[in-house]
Amino acid sequence: EDLIEQLEPLVEQANGYLHFQQILPFQPVSVGAYTVTALKAFHRTNNPYIYMICDGDKTMLYGNDTGMLPEETWDYLRDNRVHFDMVSLDCTMGANEHTTCKVNMHFGQNVECRNRMMEMGIADESTKFVSTHFSHNGLNGCYDDFCEIATKEGFEVSFDGMEVEF
């Protein structure tokens, strides 16, 4: 909603090859062979979303560029008995658990989200968890250093071009 007006010049330049569709939170939409549901996130924009994507068999959470999830999102996941096969979580702050940043997560919050999902039954021991969206703001930002930390908690660490089978 926030971006449509800002991006309108791109639509005009694209001569009919580019279209925008507003996606509202908690209202699944079909995108090709997938069902995509926008979930409320926490960031600097008026209406930040992360996305739940389902192919009819498996479901993933694409949770990049958000702080801790709002309770409204947790309630939706619980009430709709969602089960994730794969969860990708923002980890902009890396291992920096002493940050005051509220709009991006650190690894301790990734673990907290995973634990809450397990307790709620929306994830289980077969769910793949991946930390992603790293920046220079985080501690232990080098891939090898962070893998050592994340692996101990059962997380994979993303890298450019990574493909995840689940």
Protein backbone atom coordinates (compact mmCIF):
# COMPACT_ATOMS: atom_id res chain seq x y z
CA GLU A 1 0.00 0.00 0.00
CA ASP A 2 2.79 2.41 0.93
CA LEU A 3 4.73 1.76 -2.26
CA ILE A 4 2.14 1.81 -5.04
CA GLU A 5 2.20 5.58 -5.46
CA GLN A 6 5.99 5.72 -5.23
CA LEU A 7 6.43 3.01 -7.87
CA GLU A 8 3.80 4.26 -10.31
CA PRO A 9 6.45 5.88 -12.57
CA LEU A 10 8.01 2.41 -13.07
CA VAL A 11 4.66 1.01 -14.17
CA GLU A 12 4.28 3.79 -16.72
CA GLN A 13 7.80 3.21 -18.08
CA ALA A 14 7.24 -0.54 -18.38
CA ASN A 15 4.58 -0.15 -21.11
CA GLY A 16 2.20 -2.72 -19.65
CA TYR A 17 4.84 -5.29 -18.64
CA LEU A 18 4.79 -4.41 -14.95
CA HIS A 19 1.81 -4.48 -12.63
CA PHE A 20 1.43 -4.16 -8.90
CA GLN A 21 -1.10 -6.00 -6.82
CA GLN A 22 -1.74 -4.88 -3.28
CA ILE A 23 -1.54 -7.80 -0.87
CA LEU A 24 -3.30 -7.35 2.44
CA PRO A 25 -2.21 -9.05 5.66
CA PHE A 26 -3.67 -12.44 6.51
CA GLN A 27 -5.45 -12.75 3.14
CA PRO A 28 -3.93 -15.57 1.04
CA VAL A 29 -3.44 -14.85 -2.67
CA SER A 30 -2.48 -17.12 -5.55
CA VAL A 31 0.83 -16.35 -7.21
CA GLY A 32 1.40 -18.90 -9.94
CA ALA A 33 1.54 -22.33 -8.29
CA TYR A 34 1.90 -20.83 -4.81
CA THR A 35 -0.35 -19.45 -2.13
CA VAL A 36 1.25 -16.41 -0.53
CA THR A 37 0.04 -14.87 2.70
CA ALA A 38 1.39 -11.55 3.94
CA LEU A 39 1.98 -11.59 7.68
CA LYS A 40 2.46 -8.47 9.74
CA ALA A 41 6.08 -7.75 10.58
CA PHE A 42 7.84 -5.04 12.54
CA HIS A 43 9.99 -2.53 10.64
CA ARG A 44 10.25 1.17 9.76
CA THR A 45 7.47 1.32 7.15
CA ASN A 46 3.78 1.76 7.81
CA ASN A 47 2.79 -1.73 6.71
CA PRO A 48 5.76 -4.11 6.82
CA TYR A 49 5.15 -7.73 5.89
CA ILE A 50 6.91 -11.03 5.81
CA TYR A 51 5.52 -13.87 3.73
CA MET A 52 4.22 -17.37 4.21
CA ILE A 53 4.54 -19.32 0.95
CA CYS A 54 2.88 -22.67 0.29
CA ASP A 55 3.02 -24.92 -2.77
CA GLY A 56 0.12 -27.10 -1.57
CA ASP A 57 2.49 -29.58 0.03
CA LYS A 58 5.15 -27.64 1.90
CA THR A 59 5.06 -24.27 3.63
CA MET A 60 7.84 -21.81 4.34
CA LEU A 61 8.15 -18.54 6.19
CA TYR A 62 10.19 -15.86 4.42
CA GLY A 63 10.87 -13.68 7.44
CA ASN A 64 13.45 -11.17 6.26
CA ASP A 65 13.82 -7.54 7.33
CA THR A 66 11.75 -7.62 10.49
CA GLY A 67 12.16 -7.35 14.20
CA MET A 68 10.29 -9.69 16.53
CA LEU A 69 6.91 -10.66 15.13
CA PRO A 70 3.80 -8.84 16.36
CA GLU A 71 1.36 -10.85 18.47
CA GLU A 72 -1.24 -10.52 15.70
CA THR A 73 1.01 -12.63 13.46
CA TRP A 74 1.60 -15.25 16.15
CA ASP A 75 -2.17 -15.42 16.72
CA TYR A 76 -2.83 -15.93 13.00
CA LEU A 77 -0.29 -18.74 12.78
CA ARG A 78 -1.76 -20.48 15.84
CA ASP A 79 -5.41 -19.97 14.87
CA ASN A 80 -4.82 -21.25 11.32
CA ARG A 81 -2.83 -24.27 12.49
CA VAL A 82 0.06 -23.46 10.21
CA HIS A 83 2.98 -25.88 10.07
CA PHE A 84 6.28 -24.69 8.63
CA ASP A 85 8.63 -27.00 6.77
CA MET A 86 11.20 -24.22 6.45
CA VAL A 87 11.68 -20.91 8.26
CA SER A 88 14.03 -18.16 7.11
CA LEU A 89 14.54 -15.45 9.75
CA ASP A 90 16.14 -12.03 9.67
CA CYS A 91 19.47 -11.92 11.48
CA THR A 92 20.73 -8.45 10.56
CA MET A 93 22.27 -7.96 13.99
CA GLY A 94 24.15 -11.28 13.93
CA ALA A 95 25.22 -12.38 17.40
CA ASN A 96 24.85 -8.84 18.78
CA GLU A 97 22.29 -9.49 21.53
CA HIS A 98 23.05 -6.14 23.20
CA THR A 99 21.68 -4.06 20.35
CA THR A 100 18.89 -1.55 20.81
CA CYS A 101 17.67 -2.20 17.26
CA LYS A 102 13.99 -3.17 17.24
CA VAL A 103 13.41 -3.41 13.47
CA ASN A 104 15.81 -6.27 12.79
CA MET A 105 16.64 -9.43 14.71
CA HIS A 106 19.76 -10.84 16.28
CA PHE A 107 20.49 -14.55 16.53
CA GLY A 108 19.14 -14.86 20.07
CA GLN A 109 15.78 -13.68 18.72
CA ASN A 110 15.99 -16.27 15.92
CA VAL A 111 16.33 -18.93 18.61
CA GLU A 112 13.48 -17.38 20.58
CA CYS A 113 11.20 -17.46 17.49
CA ARG A 114 12.17 -21.06 16.77
CA ASN A 115 11.43 -22.09 20.35
CA ARG A 116 8.05 -20.36 20.32
CA MET A 117 7.16 -22.02 17.00
CA MET A 118 8.09 -25.42 18.43
CA GLU A 119 6.04 -24.80 21.58
CA MET A 120 3.04 -23.73 19.46
CA GLY A 121 3.35 -26.76 17.19
CA ILE A 122 3.80 -24.65 14.05
CA ALA A 123 7.31 -26.11 13.65
CA ASP A 124 8.90 -29.35 14.75
CA GLU A 125 12.21 -31.22 14.68
CA SER A 126 11.90 -31.69 10.91
CA THR A 127 11.51 -27.95 10.22
CA LYS A 128 14.60 -26.35 8.65
CA PHE A 129 15.61 -23.06 10.22
CA VAL A 130 17.84 -20.60 8.36
CA SER A 131 19.28 -17.30 9.58
CA THR A 132 19.67 -14.71 6.83
CA HIS A 133 19.84 -10.99 5.96
CA PHE A 134 23.15 -10.23 7.67
CA SER A 135 24.81 -6.85 7.81
CA HIS A 136 27.87 -5.04 9.08
CA ASN A 137 25.83 -4.13 12.19
CA GLY A 138 26.04 -7.64 13.61
CA LEU A 139 28.72 -9.42 15.58
CA ASN A 140 30.43 -12.56 14.26
CA GLY A 141 29.51 -11.48 10.75
CA CYS A 142 32.02 -13.72 9.01
CA TYR A 143 30.34 -16.78 7.58
CA ASP A 144 32.61 -19.38 9.21
CA ASP A 145 32.38 -17.70 12.63
CA PHE A 146 28.62 -17.42 12.47
CA CYS A 147 28.14 -21.00 11.24
CA GLU A 148 29.85 -22.23 14.38
CA ILE A 149 27.36 -20.31 16.53
CA ALA A 150 24.24 -21.13 14.49
CA THR A 151 24.93 -24.82 13.98
CA LYS A 152 24.95 -25.38 17.75
CA GLU A 153 21.32 -24.22 17.78
CA GLY A 154 20.26 -26.21 14.71
CA PHE A 155 20.21 -23.27 12.29
CA GLU A 156 21.71 -23.10 8.83
CA VAL A 157 23.40 -19.86 7.80
CA SER A 158 22.45 -18.39 4.44
CA PHE A 159 24.84 -17.22 1.76
CA ASP A 160 24.40 -15.62 -1.65
CA GLY A 161 22.94 -18.13 -4.09
CA MET A 162 21.96 -20.61 -1.40
CA GLU A 163 19.23 -23.11 -2.29
CA VAL A 164 17.42 -25.00 0.45
CA GLU A 165 15.76 -28.37 -0.09
CA PHE A 166 12.93 -29.12 2.29
